[in-house]
């Protein structure tokens, strides 16, 4: 596991796993935070989450890695909270 990367899904989130498999996201090391968390995208929108995960992986640089960490620490990263 890494600090920055696609958040791992649960084994029963079949739609999310399929969307990530199509986009090659499952080949990446999972992480605690990433672009989806900074943007407030949760696991209830599997297609959007997989697309954002792929965008993050395609554009991930050392600078972006640390930017995601700083934004998360500063409160931009909302995680995968369930909205009421």
Protein backbone atom coordinates (compact mmCIF):
# COMPACT_ATOMS: atom_id res chain seq x y z
CA UNK A 1 0.00 0.00 0.00
CA UNK A 2 1.08 3.55 -0.73
CA UNK A 3 0.01 6.88 0.72
CA UNK A 4 -1.27 8.08 -2.67
CA UNK A 5 -3.09 5.77 -5.05
CA UNK A 6 -6.55 4.40 -5.82
CA UNK A 7 -8.41 3.52 -2.63
CA UNK A 8 -8.95 -0.23 -2.45
CA UNK A 9 -12.52 -1.38 -2.92
CA UNK A 10 -14.33 -4.15 -1.14
CA UNK A 11 -14.55 -7.61 -2.67
CA UNK A 12 -18.31 -7.23 -3.14
CA UNK A 13 -18.07 -3.98 -5.13
CA UNK A 14 -18.26 -5.83 -8.42
CA UNK A 15 -19.17 -2.84 -10.57
CA UNK A 16 -16.23 -0.81 -9.23
CA UNK A 17 -13.86 -3.75 -9.74
CA UNK A 18 -15.05 -4.17 -13.34
CA UNK A 19 -14.69 -0.46 -14.13
CA UNK A 20 -11.19 -0.41 -12.65
CA UNK A 21 -10.18 -3.60 -14.49
CA UNK A 22 -11.23 -2.10 -17.84
CA UNK A 23 -9.10 0.98 -17.17
CA UNK A 24 -6.09 -0.88 -15.75
CA UNK A 25 -6.42 0.75 -12.34
CA UNK A 26 -6.11 -2.59 -10.54
CA UNK A 27 -2.48 -2.82 -11.70
CA UNK A 28 -1.53 0.17 -9.52
CA UNK A 29 -0.55 0.01 -5.87
CA UNK A 30 -3.54 1.05 -3.72
CA UNK A 31 -3.31 4.12 -1.53
CA UNK A 32 -4.91 5.99 1.31
CA UNK A 33 -5.69 9.19 -0.60
CA UNK A 34 -5.73 10.40 -4.17
CA UNK A 35 -7.43 12.64 -6.69
CA UNK A 36 -10.87 11.09 -6.11
CA UNK A 37 -10.71 11.81 -2.39
CA UNK A 38 -9.55 15.40 -3.01
CA UNK A 39 -12.48 15.90 -5.38
CA UNK A 40 -14.96 14.28 -2.97
CA UNK A 41 -15.81 11.36 -5.27
CA UNK A 42 -16.90 8.34 -3.29
CA UNK A 43 -17.42 4.70 -4.14
CA UNK A 44 -21.13 5.16 -4.86
CA UNK A 45 -20.25 6.30 -8.40
CA UNK A 46 -18.03 3.44 -9.64
CA UNK A 47 -17.57 4.61 -13.22
CA UNK A 48 -16.63 8.16 -12.25
CA UNK A 49 -14.31 6.88 -9.52
CA UNK A 50 -12.52 4.52 -11.92
CA UNK A 51 -12.13 7.28 -14.51
CA UNK A 52 -10.66 9.71 -11.97
CA UNK A 53 -8.35 6.99 -10.63
CA UNK A 54 -7.07 6.41 -14.18
CA UNK A 55 -6.59 10.17 -14.74
CA UNK A 56 -4.61 10.38 -11.51
CA UNK A 57 -2.38 7.45 -12.45
CA UNK A 58 -1.73 8.85 -15.92
CA UNK A 59 -0.67 12.24 -14.55
CA UNK A 60 0.96 11.17 -11.28
CA UNK A 61 4.28 12.91 -10.68
CA UNK A 62 6.32 13.42 -7.54
CA UNK A 63 4.91 16.92 -7.27
CA UNK A 64 1.30 15.69 -7.64
CA UNK A 65 1.96 12.91 -5.10
CA UNK A 66 2.95 15.43 -2.44
CA UNK A 67 0.20 17.84 -3.50
CA UNK A 68 -2.44 15.15 -2.80
CA UNK A 69 -0.88 14.52 0.61
CA UNK A 70 -0.82 18.22 1.54
CA UNK A 71 -4.39 18.78 0.36
CA UNK A 72 -5.55 15.77 2.35
CA UNK A 73 -3.82 16.98 5.51
CA UNK A 74 -5.33 20.44 5.02
CA UNK A 75 -8.80 18.93 4.90
CA UNK A 76 -9.53 18.79 1.18
CA UNK A 77 -9.54 14.98 1.21
CA UNK A 78 -12.96 13.94 2.42
CA UNK A 79 -12.34 10.22 1.95
CA UNK A 80 -15.05 7.75 1.11
CA UNK A 81 -17.65 8.97 3.54
CA UNK A 82 -21.26 7.96 3.17
CA UNK A 83 -23.48 10.92 2.51
CA UNK A 84 -26.88 11.01 4.29
